[in-house]
Amino acid sequence: MKLDQQTGQSLIRAAMRERHAPGKYDLFVWRNERELQSIAVAWKSYTKRTIDLENVANGDGGEIPTNAAPLPNGIERHGACYVGSFRIEKSLETNES
C-alpha cells in the first residue's frame, strides 16, 4: 500500500487529536477492504519502541517500513505500514460542568 505524504500527515494529525497519555507513539495503517484503518502504538520509553520496524520490498523496487511483530489489535507481522511517529507532551484536560 502506498500513501502520499499529505494523507500520512493527515492520519498523524488525526491520531494526535485522540486522547492519548503523554509519551511517544508510532502510527501504523492498513487497508480493511476499501477503508484505511490505523492504530497508534505507545513506545516503551522515549528511546525504545514497543513494535520494531522492518522494511518490506514493494513492487516498485523500493521498501516500505512495516510492523516487525503483531500489533496489539492482532494485525499480523508486516500487515501494516508505518506512517510516522508523534509525541504528546501533556494531556489536554477539559472542564465539564
C-alpha atoms as a PDB file:
ATOM      1  CA  MET A   1       0.000   0.000   0.000  1.00  0.00           C
ATOM      2  CA  LYS A   2       1.291   3.459  -0.860  1.00  0.00           C
ATOM      3  CA  LEU A   3       0.298   6.627   0.945  1.00  0.00           C
ATOM      4  CA  ASP A   4       1.077  10.090  -0.268  1.00  0.00           C
ATOM      5  CA  GLN A   5       2.705  12.494   2.176  1.00  0.00           C
ATOM      6  CA  GLN A   6      -0.451  14.568   2.634  1.00  0.00           C
ATOM      7  CA  THR A   7      -2.531  11.504   3.576  1.00  0.00           C
ATOM      8  CA  GLY A   8       0.168  10.351   6.004  1.00  0.00           C
ATOM      9  CA  GLN A   9       0.314  13.753   7.679  1.00  0.00           C
ATOM     10  CA  SER A  10      -3.493  13.883   7.931  1.00  0.00           C
ATOM     11  CA  LEU A  11      -3.525  10.465   9.623  1.00  0.00           C
ATOM     12  CA  ILE A  12      -0.881  11.562  12.132  1.00  0.00           C
ATOM     13  CA  ARG A  13      -2.775  14.795  12.925  1.00  0.00           C
ATOM     14  CA  ALA A  14      -5.980  12.796  13.460  1.00  0.00           C
ATOM     15  CA  ALA A  15      -4.177  10.385  15.808  1.00  0.00           C
ATOM     16  CA  MET A  16      -2.729  13.306  17.774  1.00  0.00           C
ATOM     17  CA  ARG A  17      -6.260  14.661  18.376  1.00  0.00           C
ATOM     18  CA  GLU A  18      -7.260  11.441  20.154  1.00  0.00           C
ATOM     19  CA  ARG A  19      -6.933  11.335  23.939  1.00  0.00           C
ATOM     20  CA  HIS A  20      -3.531   9.706  24.335  1.00  0.00           C
ATOM     21  CA  ALA A  21      -1.469   9.775  27.506  1.00  0.00           C
ATOM     22  CA  PRO A  22       1.774  11.772  27.335  1.00  0.00           C
ATOM     23  CA  GLY A  23       4.503   9.845  25.524  1.00  0.00           C
ATOM     24  CA  LYS A  24       5.739   8.824  22.079  1.00  0.00           C
ATOM     25  CA  TYR A  25       3.640   6.888  19.577  1.00  0.00           C
ATOM     26  CA  ASP A  26       4.104   5.132  16.243  1.00  0.00           C
ATOM     27  CA  LEU A  27       1.213   5.207  13.790  1.00  0.00           C
ATOM     28  CA  PHE A  28       0.521   2.137  11.648  1.00  0.00           C
ATOM     29  CA  VAL A  29      -2.118   1.887   8.897  1.00  0.00           C
ATOM     30  CA  TRP A  30      -3.589  -0.930   6.845  1.00  0.00           C
ATOM     31  CA  ARG A  31      -6.433  -1.341   4.403  1.00  0.00           C
ATOM     32  CA  ASN A  32      -9.568  -3.145   5.576  1.00  0.00           C
ATOM     33  CA  GLU A  33     -11.379  -3.813   2.321  1.00  0.00           C
ATOM     34  CA  ARG A  34     -11.686  -0.244   0.967  1.00  0.00           C
ATOM     35  CA  GLU A  35     -11.140   1.712   4.184  1.00  0.00           C
ATOM     36  CA  LEU A  36      -7.900   2.747   5.850  1.00  0.00           C
ATOM     37  CA  GLN A  37      -7.615   1.675   9.466  1.00  0.00           C
ATOM     38  CA  SER A  38      -4.972   2.885  11.897  1.00  0.00           C
ATOM     39  CA  ILE A  39      -3.576   2.298  15.346  1.00  0.00           C
ATOM     40  CA  ALA A  40      -1.246   4.412  17.476  1.00  0.00           C
ATOM     41  CA  VAL A  41       1.155   2.239  19.491  1.00  0.00           C
ATOM     42  CA  ALA A  42       2.832   3.807  22.532  1.00  0.00           C
ATOM     43  CA  TRP A  43       6.606   3.472  22.862  1.00  0.00           C
ATOM     44  CA  LYS A  44       8.003   1.581  25.882  1.00  0.00           C
ATOM     45  CA  SER A  45      10.087   4.664  26.696  1.00  0.00           C
ATOM     46  CA  TYR A  46      11.263   7.833  24.956  1.00  0.00           C
ATOM     47  CA  THR A  47      14.052   5.813  23.301  1.00  0.00           C
ATOM     48  CA  LYS A  48      12.576   2.299  22.834  1.00  0.00           C
ATOM     49  CA  ARG A  49       9.723   1.348  20.502  1.00  0.00           C
ATOM     50  CA  THR A  50       7.178  -1.261  21.515  1.00  0.00           C
ATOM     51  CA  ILE A  51       6.974  -2.596  17.944  1.00  0.00           C
ATOM     52  CA  ASP A  52      10.163  -2.585  15.885  1.00  0.00           C
ATOM     53  CA  LEU A  53      10.070  -1.573  12.233  1.00  0.00           C
ATOM     54  CA  GLU A  54      11.074  -3.854   9.373  1.00  0.00           C
ATOM     55  CA  ASN A  55      11.333  -2.890   5.713  1.00  0.00           C
ATOM     56  CA  VAL A  56       9.448  -4.975   3.156  1.00  0.00           C
ATOM     57  CA  ALA A  57      10.065  -4.738  -0.594  1.00  0.00           C
ATOM     58  CA  ASN A  58       7.267  -3.235  -2.644  1.00  0.00           C
ATOM     59  CA  GLY A  59       6.557  -3.892  -6.310  1.00  0.00           C
ATOM     60  CA  ASP A  60       8.442  -0.766  -7.420  1.00  0.00           C
ATOM     61  CA  GLY A  61      11.828  -1.932  -6.166  1.00  0.00           C
ATOM     62  CA  GLY A  62      11.584   0.249  -3.056  1.00  0.00           C
ATOM     63  CA  GLU A  63      10.924  -0.679   0.536  1.00  0.00           C
ATOM     64  CA  ILE A  64       8.091   0.126   2.942  1.00  0.00           C
ATOM     65  CA  PRO A  65       8.561   0.192   6.724  1.00  0.00           C
ATOM     66  CA  THR A  66       6.138  -2.200   8.416  1.00  0.00           C
ATOM     67  CA  ASN A  67       5.469  -3.706  11.833  1.00  0.00           C
ATOM     68  CA  ALA A  68       8.114  -6.349  12.664  1.00  0.00           C
ATOM     69  CA  ALA A  69       5.767  -8.051  15.165  1.00  0.00           C
ATOM     70  CA  PRO A  70       1.988  -8.377  15.521  1.00  0.00           C
ATOM     71  CA  LEU A  71       0.229  -5.190  16.619  1.00  0.00           C
ATOM     72  CA  PRO A  72      -1.766  -5.025  19.889  1.00  0.00           C
ATOM     73  CA  ASN A  73      -5.035  -5.295  17.928  1.00  0.00           C
ATOM     74  CA  GLY A  74      -3.958  -8.559  16.257  1.00  0.00           C
ATOM     75  CA  ILE A  75      -2.768  -7.250  12.887  1.00  0.00           C
ATOM     76  CA  GLU A  76      -0.111  -9.739  11.803  1.00  0.00           C
ATOM     77  CA  ARG A  77       3.583  -9.030  11.247  1.00  0.00           C
ATOM     78  CA  HIS A  78       4.093  -6.918   8.096  1.00  0.00           C
ATOM     79  CA  GLY A  79       0.324  -6.361   7.971  1.00  0.00           C
ATOM     80  CA  ALA A  80       0.502  -2.590   8.489  1.00  0.00           C
ATOM     81  CA  CYS A  81       2.598   0.257   7.126  1.00  0.00           C
ATOM     82  CA  TYR A  82       4.449   2.607   9.454  1.00  0.00           C
ATOM     83  CA  VAL A  83       3.287   6.166   8.759  1.00  0.00           C
ATOM     84  CA  GLY A  84       5.275   8.135  11.318  1.00  0.00           C
ATOM     85  CA  SER A  85       5.776   8.924  14.970  1.00  0.00           C
ATOM     86  CA  PHE A  86       4.460  11.668  17.198  1.00  0.00           C
ATOM     87  CA  ARG A  87       4.837  12.796  20.794  1.00  0.00           C
ATOM     88  CA  ILE A  88       2.230  14.019  23.236  1.00  0.00           C
ATOM     89  CA  GLU A  89       3.759  16.407  25.778  1.00  0.00           C
ATOM     90  CA  LYS A  90       0.789  16.651  28.119  1.00  0.00           C
ATOM     91  CA  SER A  91      -2.835  15.646  28.132  1.00  0.00           C
ATOM     92  CA  LEU A  92      -5.416  18.272  27.270  1.00  0.00           C
ATOM     93  CA  GLU A  93      -7.918  18.487  30.078  1.00  0.00           C
ATOM     94  CA  THR A  94     -11.430  19.729  29.596  1.00  0.00           C
ATOM     95  CA  ASN A  95     -13.580  21.253  32.308  1.00  0.00           C
ATOM     96  CA  GLU A  96     -17.002  19.687  32.427  1.00  0.00           C
ATOM     97  CA  SER A  97     -19.801  21.221  34.461  1.00  0.00           C
END
